[in-house]
Amino acid sequence: KAVQAMLGYTAEEFKTGQVRWAEITPPEWAAADARAVEQLVAHGVAQPYEKAYIAKDGRVVPILVGPAVLPVLGEAGVEVAAFVVDLTSLRQAESEAQNRRYQIERMTLASPDIH
């Protein structure tokens, strides 16, 4: 439910097929998802990896995901569970730090007093 809230979709939208996880994944992340599925099939877990989802409002939300297969009694057989961490704040902080480094570098190169 936290992931649905983070992305702005409802459980009903996923249950009825109005929204599918693959459709809200930008194409450049398809290969990472495919590798995770291979790992899940082979080992029951996949290494955590970064990817992104497209939120309902159009934002691209960077995330860290760590999926695992859970055995389920009954007809379903298995279910996939995952931890998901929103990396938006981290990416913003990284961008700000990079901008600061660039500004310091420019000031250093422009100043004749700094060697």
PDB file of N, CA and C in Angstrom:
ATOM      1  N   LYS A   1       0.811  -1.196   0.000  1.00  0.00           N
ATOM      2  CA  LYS A   1       0.000   0.000   0.000  1.00  0.00           C
ATOM      3  C   LYS A   1       0.855   1.262   0.000  1.00  0.00           C
ATOM      4  N   ALA A   2       1.998   1.194   0.634  1.00  0.00           N
ATOM      5  CA  ALA A   2       2.876   2.362   0.665  1.00  0.00           C
ATOM      6  C   ALA A   2       3.373   2.701  -0.736  1.00  0.00           C
ATOM      7  N   VAL A   3       3.674   1.670  -1.542  1.00  0.00           N
ATOM      8  CA  VAL A   3       4.137   1.907  -2.910  1.00  0.00           C
ATOM      9  C   VAL A   3       3.010   2.519  -3.732  1.00  0.00           C
ATOM     10  N   GLN A   4       1.800   2.028  -3.550  1.00  0.00           N
ATOM     11  CA  GLN A   4       0.660   2.588  -4.276  1.00  0.00           C
ATOM     12  C   GLN A   4       0.481   4.063  -3.916  1.00  0.00           C
ATOM     13  N   ALA A   5       0.592   4.379  -2.628  1.00  0.00           N
ATOM     14  CA  ALA A   5       0.459   5.771  -2.192  1.00  0.00           C
ATOM     15  C   ALA A   5       1.596   6.627  -2.753  1.00  0.00           C
ATOM     16  N   MET A   6       2.814   6.078  -2.765  1.00  0.00           N
ATOM     17  CA  MET A   6       3.967   6.806  -3.280  1.00  0.00           C
ATOM     18  C   MET A   6       3.775   7.151  -4.758  1.00  0.00           C
ATOM     19  N   LEU A   7       3.131   6.240  -5.493  1.00  0.00           N
ATOM     20  CA  LEU A   7       2.950   6.433  -6.934  1.00  0.00           C
ATOM     21  C   LEU A   7       1.607   7.064  -7.294  1.00  0.00           C
ATOM     22  N   GLY A   8       0.671   7.095  -6.347  1.00  0.00           N
ATOM     23  CA  GLY A   8      -0.619   7.737  -6.600  1.00  0.00           C
ATOM     24  C   GLY A   8      -1.684   6.835  -7.196  1.00  0.00           C
ATOM     25  N   TYR A   9      -1.431   5.535  -7.268  1.00  0.00           N
ATOM     26  CA  TYR A   9      -2.414   4.590  -7.800  1.00  0.00           C
ATOM     27  C   TYR A   9      -3.144   3.896  -6.659  1.00  0.00           C
ATOM     28  N   THR A  10      -4.322   3.374  -6.947  1.00  0.00           N
ATOM     29  CA  THR A  10      -5.079   2.638  -5.941  1.00  0.00           C
ATOM     30  C   THR A  10      -4.921   1.135  -6.147  1.00  0.00           C
ATOM     31  N   ALA A  11      -5.189   0.387  -5.102  1.00  0.00           N
ATOM     32  CA  ALA A  11      -5.157  -1.079  -5.208  1.00  0.00           C
ATOM     33  C   ALA A  11      -6.163  -1.547  -6.251  1.00  0.00           C
ATOM     34  N   GLU A  12      -7.294  -0.889  -6.306  1.00  0.00           N
ATOM     35  CA  GLU A  12      -8.338  -1.247  -7.271  1.00  0.00           C
ATOM     36  C   GLU A  12      -7.835  -1.109  -8.711  1.00  0.00           C
ATOM     37  N   GLU A  13      -7.052  -0.073  -8.984  1.00  0.00           N
ATOM     38  CA  GLU A  13      -6.510   0.112 -10.333  1.00  0.00           C
ATOM     39  C   GLU A  13      -5.597  -1.052 -10.733  1.00  0.00           C
ATOM     40  N   PHE A  14      -4.855  -1.579  -9.765  1.00  0.00           N
ATOM     41  CA  PHE A  14      -4.003  -2.736 -10.055  1.00  0.00           C
ATOM     42  C   PHE A  14      -4.833  -4.015 -10.160  1.00  0.00           C
ATOM     43  N   LYS A  15      -5.792  -4.207  -9.259  1.00  0.00           N
ATOM     44  CA  LYS A  15      -6.618  -5.418  -9.256  1.00  0.00           C
ATOM     45  C   LYS A  15      -7.425  -5.565 -10.539  1.00  0.00           C
ATOM     46  N   THR A  16      -7.929  -4.465 -11.047  1.00  0.00           N
ATOM     47  CA  THR A  16      -8.770  -4.513 -12.249  1.00  0.00           C
ATOM     48  C   THR A  16      -7.958  -4.462 -13.544  1.00  0.00           C
ATOM     49  N   GLY A  17      -6.642  -4.298 -13.434  1.00  0.00           N
ATOM     50  CA  GLY A  17      -5.798  -4.258 -14.621  1.00  0.00           C
ATOM     51  C   GLY A  17      -5.733  -2.909 -15.298  1.00  0.00           C
ATOM     52  N   GLN A  18      -6.326  -1.883 -14.694  1.00  0.00           N
ATOM     53  CA  GLN A  18      -6.232  -0.537 -15.266  1.00  0.00           C
ATOM     54  C   GLN A  18      -4.783  -0.066 -15.282  1.00  0.00           C
ATOM     55  N   VAL A  19      -4.013  -0.533 -14.292  1.00  0.00           N
ATOM     56  CA  VAL A  19      -2.603  -0.198 -14.181  1.00  0.00           C
ATOM     57  C   VAL A  19      -1.837  -1.508 -14.005  1.00  0.00           C
ATOM     58  N   ARG A  20      -0.765  -1.649 -14.768  1.00  0.00           N
ATOM     59  CA  ARG A  20       0.092  -2.831 -14.657  1.00  0.00           C
ATOM     60  C   ARG A  20       1.517  -2.354 -14.356  1.00  0.00           C
ATOM     61  N   TRP A  21       2.185  -3.124 -13.493  1.00  0.00           N
ATOM     62  CA  TRP A  21       3.535  -2.728 -13.090  1.00  0.00           C
ATOM     63  C   TRP A  21       4.438  -2.530 -14.301  1.00  0.00           C
ATOM     64  N   ALA A  22       4.362  -3.413 -15.273  1.00  0.00           N
ATOM     65  CA  ALA A  22       5.226  -3.304 -16.453  1.00  0.00           C
ATOM     66  C   ALA A  22       4.944  -2.023 -17.237  1.00  0.00           C
ATOM     67  N   GLU A  23       3.696  -1.588 -17.232  1.00  0.00           N
ATOM     68  CA  GLU A  23       3.322  -0.386 -17.993  1.00  0.00           C
ATOM     69  C   GLU A  23       3.781   0.905 -17.319  1.00  0.00           C
ATOM     70  N   ILE A  24       3.989   0.862 -16.011  1.00  0.00           N
ATOM     71  CA  ILE A  24       4.444   2.072 -15.326  1.00  0.00           C
ATOM     72  C   ILE A  24       5.952   2.040 -15.074  1.00  0.00           C
ATOM     73  N   THR A  25       6.620   1.068 -15.703  1.00  0.00           N
ATOM     74  CA  THR A  25       8.077   0.984 -15.648  1.00  0.00           C
ATOM     75  C   THR A  25       8.636   1.582 -16.936  1.00  0.00           C
ATOM     76  N   PRO A  26       9.485   2.603 -16.837  1.00  0.00           N
ATOM     77  CA  PRO A  26      10.094   3.148 -18.051  1.00  0.00           C
ATOM     78  C   PRO A  26      10.845   2.042 -18.809  1.00  0.00           C
ATOM     79  N   PRO A  27      10.809   2.085 -20.146  1.00  0.00           N
ATOM     80  CA  PRO A  27      11.411   1.018 -20.967  1.00  0.00           C
ATOM     81  C   PRO A  27      12.876   0.726 -20.651  1.00  0.00           C
ATOM     82  N   GLU A  28      13.620   1.745 -20.250  1.00  0.00           N
ATOM     83  CA  GLU A  28      15.052   1.529 -19.992  1.00  0.00           C
ATOM     84  C   GLU A  28      15.314   0.619 -18.793  1.00  0.00           C
ATOM     85  N   TRP A  29      14.276   0.323 -17.995  1.00  0.00           N
ATOM     86  CA  TRP A  29      14.428  -0.555 -16.833  1.00  0.00           C
ATOM     87  C   TRP A  29      13.941  -1.979 -17.107  1.00  0.00           C
ATOM     88  N   ALA A  30      13.488  -2.267 -18.304  1.00  0.00           N
ATOM     89  CA  ALA A  30      12.962  -3.602 -18.629  1.00  0.00           C
ATOM     90  C   ALA A  30      14.025  -4.688 -18.453  1.00  0.00           C
ATOM     91  N   ALA A  31      15.256  -4.416 -18.849  1.00  0.00           N
ATOM     92  CA  ALA A  31      16.318  -5.419 -18.733  1.00  0.00           C
ATOM     93  C   ALA A  31      16.613  -5.739 -17.265  1.00  0.00           C
ATOM     94  N   ALA A  32      16.617  -4.725 -16.409  1.00  0.00           N
ATOM     95  CA  ALA A  32      16.852  -4.954 -14.976  1.00  0.00           C
ATOM     96  C   ALA A  32      15.734  -5.804 -14.383  1.00  0.00           C
ATOM     97  N   ASP A  33      14.503  -5.522 -14.781  1.00  0.00           N
ATOM     98  CA  ASP A  33      13.377  -6.333 -14.311  1.00  0.00           C
ATOM     99  C   ASP A  33      13.496  -7.779 -14.801  1.00  0.00           C
ATOM    100  N   ALA A  34      13.908  -7.954 -16.058  1.00  0.00           N
ATOM    101  CA  ALA A  34      14.058  -9.303 -16.610  1.00  0.00           C
ATOM    102  C   ALA A  34      15.124 -10.089 -15.841  1.00  0.00           C
ATOM    103  N   ARG A  35      16.239  -9.447 -15.506  1.00  0.00           N
ATOM    104  CA  ARG A  35      17.281 -10.116 -14.716  1.00  0.00           C
ATOM    105  C   ARG A  35      16.748 -10.512 -13.342  1.00  0.00           C
ATOM    106  N   ALA A  36      15.948  -9.636 -12.731  1.00  0.00           N
ATOM    107  CA  ALA A  36      15.385  -9.940 -11.416  1.00  0.00           C
ATOM    108  C   ALA A  36      14.439 -11.134 -11.502  1.00  0.00           C
ATOM    109  N   VAL A  37      13.638 -11.200 -12.553  1.00  0.00           N
ATOM    110  CA  VAL A  37      12.726 -12.336 -12.733  1.00  0.00           C
ATOM    111  C   VAL A  37      13.528 -13.623 -12.886  1.00  0.00           C
ATOM    112  N   GLU A  38      14.604 -13.590 -13.660  1.00  0.00           N
ATOM    113  CA  GLU A  38      15.459 -14.771 -13.818  1.00  0.00           C
ATOM    114  C   GLU A  38      16.010 -15.222 -12.467  1.00  0.00           C
ATOM    115  N   GLN A  39      16.464 -14.262 -11.660  1.00  0.00           N
ATOM    116  CA  GLN A  39      16.982 -14.594 -10.338  1.00  0.00           C
ATOM    117  C   GLN A  39      15.887 -15.170  -9.438  1.00  0.00           C
ATOM    118  N   LEU A  40      14.689 -14.588  -9.519  1.00  0.00           N
ATOM    119  CA  LEU A  40      13.575 -15.089  -8.710  1.00  0.00           C
ATOM    120  C   LEU A  40      13.247 -16.531  -9.065  1.00  0.00           C
ATOM    121  N   VAL A  41      13.194 -16.830 -10.348  1.00  0.00           N
ATOM    122  CA  VAL A  41      12.879 -18.186 -10.800  1.00  0.00           C
ATOM    123  C   VAL A  41      13.961 -19.167 -10.354  1.00  0.00           C
ATOM    124  N   ALA A  42      15.215 -18.750 -10.488  1.00  0.00           N
ATOM    125  CA  ALA A  42      16.329 -19.648 -10.178  1.00  0.00           C
ATOM    126  C   ALA A  42      16.591 -19.804  -8.687  1.00  0.00           C
ATOM    127  N   HIS A  43      16.417 -18.717  -7.918  1.00  0.00           N
ATOM    128  CA  HIS A  43      16.854 -18.725  -6.517  1.00  0.00           C
ATOM    129  C   HIS A  43      15.779 -18.349  -5.501  1.00  0.00           C
ATOM    130  N   GLY A  44      14.655 -17.854  -5.961  1.00  0.00           N
ATOM    131  CA  GLY A  44      13.594 -17.443  -5.035  1.00  0.00           C
ATOM    132  C   GLY A  44      13.765 -16.036  -4.495  1.00  0.00           C
ATOM    133  N   VAL A  45      14.903 -15.427  -4.766  1.00  0.00           N
ATOM    134  CA  VAL A  45      15.165 -14.037  -4.377  1.00  0.00           C
ATOM    135  C   VAL A  45      15.961 -13.384  -5.492  1.00  0.00           C
ATOM    136  N   ALA A  46      15.965 -12.081  -5.505  1.00  0.00           N
ATOM    137  CA  ALA A  46      16.779 -11.335  -6.467  1.00  0.00           C
ATOM    138  C   ALA A  46      17.589 -10.300  -5.713  1.00  0.00           C
ATOM    139  N   GLN A  47      18.757 -10.003  -6.230  1.00  0.00           N
ATOM    140  CA  GLN A  47      19.574  -8.952  -5.635  1.00  0.00           C
ATOM    141  C   GLN A  47      18.808  -7.635  -5.707  1.00  0.00           C
ATOM    142  N   PRO A  48      18.849  -6.836  -4.654  1.00  0.00           N
ATOM    143  CA  PRO A  48      18.212  -5.517  -4.738  1.00  0.00           C
ATOM    144  C   PRO A  48      18.810  -4.737  -5.912  1.00  0.00           C
ATOM    145  N   TYR A  49      17.967  -3.987  -6.584  1.00  0.00           N
ATOM    146  CA  TYR A  49      18.422  -3.220  -7.736  1.00  0.00           C
ATOM    147  C   TYR A  49      17.628  -1.933  -7.851  1.00  0.00           C
ATOM    148  N   GLU A  50      18.228  -0.983  -8.553  1.00  0.00           N
ATOM    149  CA  GLU A  50      17.555   0.293  -8.780  1.00  0.00           C
ATOM    150  C   GLU A  50      16.749   0.229 -10.058  1.00  0.00           C
ATOM    151  N   LYS A  51      15.633   0.917 -10.031  1.00  0.00           N
ATOM    152  CA  LYS A  51      14.789   1.069 -11.212  1.00  0.00           C
ATOM    153  C   LYS A  51      13.933   2.305 -10.984  1.00  0.00           C
ATOM    154  N   ALA A  52      12.902   2.472 -11.758  1.00  0.00           N
ATOM    155  CA  ALA A  52      12.001   3.612 -11.585  1.00  0.00           C
ATOM    156  C   ALA A  52      10.594   3.198 -11.979  1.00  0.00           C
ATOM    157  N   TYR A  53       9.641   3.923 -11.461  1.00  0.00           N
ATOM    158  CA  TYR A  53       8.244   3.789 -11.862  1.00  0.00           C
ATOM    159  C   TYR A  53       7.742   5.156 -12.287  1.00  0.00           C
ATOM    160  N   ILE A  54       6.724   5.156 -13.122  1.00  0.00           N
ATOM    161  CA  ILE A  54       6.072   6.397 -13.522  1.00  0.00           C
ATOM    162  C   ILE A  54       4.836   6.558 -12.643  1.00  0.00           C
ATOM    163  N   ALA A  55       4.821   7.622 -11.858  1.00  0.00           N
ATOM    164  CA  ALA A  55       3.702   7.885 -10.958  1.00  0.00           C
ATOM    165  C   ALA A  55       2.486   8.349 -11.763  1.00  0.00           C
ATOM    166  N   LYS A  56       1.350   8.320 -11.123  1.00  0.00           N
ATOM    167  CA  LYS A  56       0.100   8.711 -11.773  1.00  0.00           C
ATOM    168  C   LYS A  56       0.164  10.148 -12.296  1.00  0.00           C
ATOM    169  N   ASP A  57       0.895  11.009 -11.571  1.00  0.00           N
ATOM    170  CA  ASP A  57       1.001  12.412 -11.996  1.00  0.00           C
ATOM    171  C   ASP A  57       2.105  12.639 -13.028  1.00  0.00           C
ATOM    172  N   GLY A  58       2.743  11.546 -13.491  1.00  0.00           N
ATOM    173  CA  GLY A  58       3.752  11.648 -14.540  1.00  0.00           C
ATOM    174  C   GLY A  58       5.186  11.723 -14.047  1.00  0.00           C
ATOM    175  N   ARG A  59       5.387  11.907 -12.744  1.00  0.00           N
ATOM    176  CA  ARG A  59       6.745  11.938 -12.206  1.00  0.00           C
ATOM    177  C   ARG A  59       7.404  10.578 -12.394  1.00  0.00           C
ATOM    178  N   VAL A  60       8.702  10.592 -12.613  1.00  0.00           N
ATOM    179  CA  VAL A  60       9.472   9.355 -12.622  1.00  0.00           C
ATOM    180  C   VAL A  60      10.068   9.221 -11.220  1.00  0.00           C
ATOM    181  N   VAL A  61       9.729   8.133 -10.544  1.00  0.00           N
ATOM    182  CA  VAL A  61      10.137   7.921  -9.158  1.00  0.00           C
ATOM    183  C   VAL A  61      11.245   6.859  -9.123  1.00  0.00           C
ATOM    184  N   PRO A  62      12.480   7.270  -8.783  1.00  0.00           N
ATOM    185  CA  PRO A  62      13.564   6.292  -8.682  1.00  0.00           C
ATOM    186  C   PRO A  62      13.396   5.483  -7.401  1.00  0.00           C
ATOM    187  N   ILE A  63      13.608   4.172  -7.500  1.00  0.00           N
ATOM    188  CA  ILE A  63      13.436   3.313  -6.325  1.00  0.00           C
ATOM    189  C   ILE A  63      14.547   2.272  -6.260  1.00  0.00           C
ATOM    190  N   LEU A  64      14.695   1.693  -5.079  1.00  0.00           N
ATOM    191  CA  LEU A  64      15.496   0.499  -4.857  1.00  0.00           C
ATOM    192  C   LEU A  64      14.498  -0.586  -4.505  1.00  0.00           C
ATOM    193  N   VAL A  65      14.577  -1.725  -5.191  1.00  0.00           N
ATOM    194  CA  VAL A  65      13.625  -2.810  -4.968  1.00  0.00           C
ATOM    195  C   VAL A  65      14.381  -4.104  -4.703  1.00  0.00           C
ATOM    196  N   GLY A  66      13.861  -4.879  -3.762  1.00  0.00           N
ATOM    197  CA  GLY A  66      14.442  -6.181  -3.450  1.00  0.00           C
ATOM    198  C   GLY A  66      13.342  -7.225  -3.389  1.00  0.00           C
ATOM    199  N   PRO A  67      13.106  -7.967  -4.471  1.00  0.00           N
ATOM    200  CA  PRO A  67      12.010  -8.935  -4.513  1.00  0.00           C
ATOM    201  C   PRO A  67      12.403 -10.330  -4.011  1.00  0.00           C
ATOM    202  N   ALA A  68      11.393 -11.045  -3.526  1.00  0.00           N
ATOM    203  CA  ALA A  68      11.564 -12.440  -3.100  1.00  0.00           C
ATOM    204  C   ALA A  68      10.262 -13.184  -3.340  1.00  0.00           C
ATOM    205  N   VAL A  69      10.370 -14.471  -3.630  1.00  0.00           N
ATOM    206  CA  VAL A  69       9.202 -15.325  -3.842  1.00  0.00           C
ATOM    207  C   VAL A  69       8.801 -15.909  -2.498  1.00  0.00           C
ATOM    208  N   LEU A  70       7.514 -15.825  -2.187  1.00  0.00           N
ATOM    209  CA  LEU A  70       6.984 -16.404  -0.957  1.00  0.00           C
ATOM    210  C   LEU A  70       6.080 -17.580  -1.308  1.00  0.00           C
ATOM    211  N   PRO A  71       6.269 -18.717  -0.670  1.00  0.00           N
ATOM    212  CA  PRO A  71       5.336 -19.822  -0.918  1.00  0.00           C
ATOM    213  C   PRO A  71       3.974 -19.490  -0.318  1.00  0.00           C
ATOM    214  N   VAL A  72       2.921 -19.799  -1.057  1.00  0.00           N
ATOM    215  CA  VAL A  72       1.559 -19.518  -0.600  1.00  0.00           C
ATOM    216  C   VAL A  72       0.754 -20.808  -0.703  1.00  0.00           C
ATOM    217  N   LEU A  73       0.033 -21.128   0.341  1.00  0.00           N
ATOM    218  CA  LEU A  73      -0.824 -22.302   0.292  1.00  0.00           C
ATOM    219  C   LEU A  73      -2.039 -22.021  -0.575  1.00  0.00           C
ATOM    220  N   GLY A  74      -2.495 -23.007  -1.294  1.00  0.00           N
ATOM    221  CA  GLY A  74      -3.685 -22.838  -2.121  1.00  0.00           C
ATOM    222  C   GLY A  74      -3.350 -22.830  -3.589  1.00  0.00           C
ATOM    223  N   GLU A  75      -4.280 -22.342  -4.382  1.00  0.00           N
ATOM    224  CA  GLU A  75      -4.149 -22.390  -5.836  1.00  0.00           C
ATOM    225  C   GLU A  75      -3.073 -21.458  -6.385  1.00  0.00           C
ATOM    226  N   ALA A  76      -2.812 -20.359  -5.717  1.00  0.00           N
ATOM    227  CA  ALA A  76      -1.863 -19.373  -6.237  1.00  0.00           C
ATOM    228  C   ALA A  76      -0.451 -19.939  -6.346  1.00  0.00           C
ATOM    229  N   GLY A  77      -0.046 -20.785  -5.422  1.00  0.00           N
ATOM    230  CA  GLY A  77       1.283 -21.391  -5.468  1.00  0.00           C
ATOM    231  C   GLY A  77       2.366 -20.529  -4.879  1.00  0.00           C
ATOM    232  N   VAL A  78       2.649 -19.395  -5.475  1.00  0.00           N
ATOM    233  CA  VAL A  78       3.671 -18.477  -4.966  1.00  0.00           C
ATOM    234  C   VAL A  78       3.179 -17.042  -5.099  1.00  0.00           C
ATOM    235  N   GLU A  79       3.824 -16.190  -4.356  1.00  0.00           N
ATOM    236  CA  GLU A  79       3.525 -14.761  -4.416  1.00  0.00           C
ATOM    237  C   GLU A  79       4.857 -14.036  -4.315  1.00  0.00           C
ATOM    238  N   VAL A  80       4.978 -12.915  -4.964  1.00  0.00           N
ATOM    239  CA  VAL A  80       6.213 -12.135  -4.897  1.00  0.00           C
ATOM    240  C   VAL A  80       5.999 -10.977  -3.932  1.00  0.00           C
ATOM    241  N   ALA A  81       6.930 -10.847  -3.024  1.00  0.00           N
ATOM    242  CA  ALA A  81       6.938  -9.717  -2.096  1.00  0.00           C
ATOM    243  C   ALA A  81       8.234  -8.953  -2.328  1.00  0.00           C
ATOM    244  N   ALA A  82       8.246  -7.676  -2.010  1.00  0.00           N
ATOM    245  CA  ALA A  82       9.454  -6.888  -2.220  1.00  0.00           C
ATOM    246  C   ALA A  82       9.502  -5.724  -1.255  1.00  0.00           C
ATOM    247  N   PHE A  83      10.720  -5.343  -0.905  1.00  0.00           N
ATOM    248  CA  PHE A  83      10.865  -4.063  -0.225  1.00  0.00           C
ATOM    249  C   PHE A  83      11.121  -3.034  -1.305  1.00  0.00           C
ATOM    250  N   VAL A  84      10.603  -1.838  -1.101  1.00  0.00           N
ATOM    251  CA  VAL A  84      10.772  -0.750  -2.073  1.00  0.00           C
ATOM    252  C   VAL A  84      11.138   0.512  -1.295  1.00  0.00           C
ATOM    253  N   VAL A  85      12.221   1.152  -1.728  1.00  0.00           N
ATOM    254  CA  VAL A  85      12.681   2.378  -1.088  1.00  0.00           C
ATOM    255  C   VAL A  85      12.656   3.491  -2.123  1.00  0.00           C
ATOM    256  N   ASP A  86      11.980   4.584  -1.807  1.00  0.00           N
ATOM    257  CA  ASP A  86      11.932   5.755  -2.691  1.00  0.00           C
ATOM    258  C   ASP A  86      13.288   6.458  -2.618  1.00  0.00           C
ATOM    259  N   LEU A  87      13.957   6.613  -3.744  1.00  0.00           N
ATOM    260  CA  LEU A  87      15.278   7.234  -3.808  1.00  0.00           C
ATOM    261  C   LEU A  87      15.237   8.694  -4.252  1.00  0.00           C
ATOM    262  N   THR A  88      14.047   9.277  -4.334  1.00  0.00           N
ATOM    263  CA  THR A  88      13.913  10.650  -4.828  1.00  0.00           C
ATOM    264  C   THR A  88      14.762  11.633  -4.030  1.00  0.00           C
ATOM    265  N   SER A  89      14.662  11.605  -2.707  1.00  0.00           N
ATOM    266  CA  SER A  89      15.424  12.545  -1.870  1.00  0.00           C
ATOM    267  C   SER A  89      16.922  12.329  -2.024  1.00  0.00           C
ATOM    268  N   LEU A  90      17.340  11.086  -2.101  1.00  0.00           N
ATOM    269  CA  LEU A  90      18.759  10.781  -2.283  1.00  0.00           C
ATOM    270  C   LEU A  90      19.250  11.337  -3.609  1.00  0.00           C
ATOM    271  N   ARG A  91      18.500  11.131  -4.671  1.00  0.00           N
ATOM    272  CA  ARG A  91      18.907  11.630  -5.999  1.00  0.00           C
ATOM    273  C   ARG A  91      18.968  13.156  -6.009  1.00  0.00           C
ATOM    274  N   GLN A  92      18.018  13.818  -5.320  1.00  0.00           N
ATOM    275  CA  GLN A  92      18.040  15.279  -5.247  1.00  0.00           C
ATOM    276  C   GLN A  92      19.279  15.759  -4.496  1.00  0.00           C
ATOM    277  N   ALA A  93      19.614  15.095  -3.395  1.00  0.00           N
ATOM    278  CA  ALA A  93      20.793  15.467  -2.618  1.00  0.00           C
ATOM    279  C   ALA A  93      22.062  15.257  -3.434  1.00  0.00           C
ATOM    280  N   GLU A  94      22.132  14.161  -4.189  1.00  0.00           N
ATOM    281  CA  GLU A  94      23.293  13.913  -5.047  1.00  0.00           C
ATOM    282  C   GLU A  94      23.436  15.006  -6.108  1.00  0.00           C
ATOM    283  N   SER A  95      22.324  15.407  -6.686  1.00  0.00           N
ATOM    284  CA  SER A  95      22.342  16.448  -7.709  1.00  0.00           C
ATOM    285  C   SER A  95      22.806  17.784  -7.118  1.00  0.00           C
ATOM    286  N   GLU A  96      22.302  18.113  -5.934  1.00  0.00           N
ATOM    287  CA  GLU A  96      22.709  19.352  -5.277  1.00  0.00           C
ATOM    288  C   GLU A  96      24.199  19.334  -4.944  1.00  0.00           C
ATOM    289  N   ALA A  97      24.697  18.206  -4.472  1.00  0.00           N
ATOM    290  CA  ALA A  97      26.123  18.089  -4.148  1.00  0.00           C
ATOM    291  C   ALA A  97      26.973  18.246  -5.414  1.00  0.00           C
ATOM    292  N   GLN A  98      26.535  17.650  -6.493  1.00  0.00           N
ATOM    293  CA  GLN A  98      27.259  17.775  -7.764  1.00  0.00           C
ATOM    294  C   GLN A  98      27.276  19.225  -8.227  1.00  0.00           C
ATOM    295  N   ASN A  99      26.145  19.919  -8.097  1.00  0.00           N
ATOM    296  CA  ASN A  99      26.086  21.341  -8.474  1.00  0.00           C
ATOM    297  C   ASN A  99      27.027  22.174  -7.618  1.00  0.00           C
ATOM    298  N   ARG A 100      27.086  21.895  -6.317  1.00  0.00           N
ATOM    299  CA  ARG A 100      27.991  22.639  -5.433  1.00  0.00           C
ATOM    300  C   ARG A 100      29.451  22.403  -5.822  1.00  0.00           C
ATOM    301  N   ARG A 101      29.796  21.138  -6.113  1.00  0.00           N
ATOM    302  CA  ARG A 101      31.170  20.832  -6.537  1.00  0.00           C
ATOM    303  C   ARG A 101      31.508  21.603  -7.816  1.00  0.00           C
ATOM    304  N   TYR A 102      30.573  21.645  -8.742  1.00  0.00           N
ATOM    305  CA  TYR A 102      30.787  22.363 -10.003  1.00  0.00           C
ATOM    306  C   TYR A 102      30.996  23.857  -9.745  1.00  0.00           C
ATOM    307  N   GLN A 103      30.179  24.442  -8.850  1.00  0.00           N
ATOM    308  CA  GLN A 103      30.305  25.867  -8.542  1.00  0.00           C
ATOM    309  C   GLN A 103      31.648  26.171  -7.880  1.00  0.00           C
ATOM    310  N   ILE A 104      32.076  25.322  -6.964  1.00  0.00           N
ATOM    311  CA  ILE A 104      33.362  25.523  -6.295  1.00  0.00           C
ATOM    312  C   ILE A 104      34.497  25.411  -7.295  1.00  0.00           C
ATOM    313  N   GLU A 105      34.396  24.455  -8.184  1.00  0.00           N
ATOM    314  CA  GLU A 105      35.416  24.284  -9.214  1.00  0.00           C
ATOM    315  C   GLU A 105      35.498  25.521 -10.104  1.00  0.00           C
ATOM    316  N   ARG A 106      34.349  26.049 -10.501  1.00  0.00           N
ATOM    317  CA  ARG A 106      34.334  27.251 -11.343  1.00  0.00           C
ATOM    318  C   ARG A 106      34.944  28.438 -10.617  1.00  0.00           C
ATOM    319  N   MET A 107      34.593  28.619  -9.322  1.00  0.00           N
ATOM    320  CA  MET A 107      35.139  29.731  -8.542  1.00  0.00           C
ATOM    321  C   MET A 107      36.645  29.574  -8.380  1.00  0.00           C
ATOM    322  N   THR A 108      37.090  28.356  -8.160  1.00  0.00           N
ATOM    323  CA  THR A 108      38.516  28.100  -7.985  1.00  0.00           C
ATOM    324  C   THR A 108      39.283  28.429  -9.257  1.00  0.00           C
ATOM    325  N   LEU A 109      38.763  28.006 -10.390  1.00  0.00           N
ATOM    326  CA  LEU A 109      39.439  28.269 -11.661  1.00  0.00           C
ATOM    327  C   LEU A 109      39.410  29.752 -12.026  1.00  0.00           C
ATOM    328  N   ALA A 110      38.367  30.461 -11.597  1.00  0.00           N
ATOM    329  CA  ALA A 110      38.216  31.868 -11.939  1.00  0.00           C
ATOM    330  C   ALA A 110      39.024  32.787 -11.023  1.00  0.00           C
ATOM    331  N   SER A 111      39.427  32.298  -9.875  1.00  0.00           N
ATOM    332  CA  SER A 111      40.128  33.137  -8.903  1.00  0.00           C
ATOM    333  C   SER A 111      41.641  33.017  -9.060  1.00  0.00           C
ATOM    334  N   PRO A 112      42.333  34.142  -9.308  1.00  0.00           N
ATOM    335  CA  PRO A 112      43.793  34.079  -9.442  1.00  0.00           C
ATOM    336  C   PRO A 112      44.491  33.841  -8.095  1.00  0.00           C
ATOM    337  N   ASP A 113      43.786  34.059  -6.984  1.00  0.00           N
ATOM    338  CA  ASP A 113      44.393  33.913  -5.662  1.00  0.00           C
ATOM    339  C   ASP A 113      44.433  32.469  -5.166  1.00  0.00           C
ATOM    340  N   ILE A 114      43.679  31.585  -5.808  1.00  0.00           N
ATOM    341  CA  ILE A 114      43.626  30.192  -5.360  1.00  0.00           C
ATOM    342  C   ILE A 114      44.491  29.360  -6.294  1.00  0.00           C
ATOM    343  N   HIS A 115      45.418  28.643  -5.724  1.00  0.00           N
ATOM    344  CA  HIS A 115      46.331  27.825  -6.542  1.00  0.00           C
ATOM    345  C   HIS A 115      46.091  26.391  -6.310  1.00  0.00           C
TER     346      HIS A 115
END
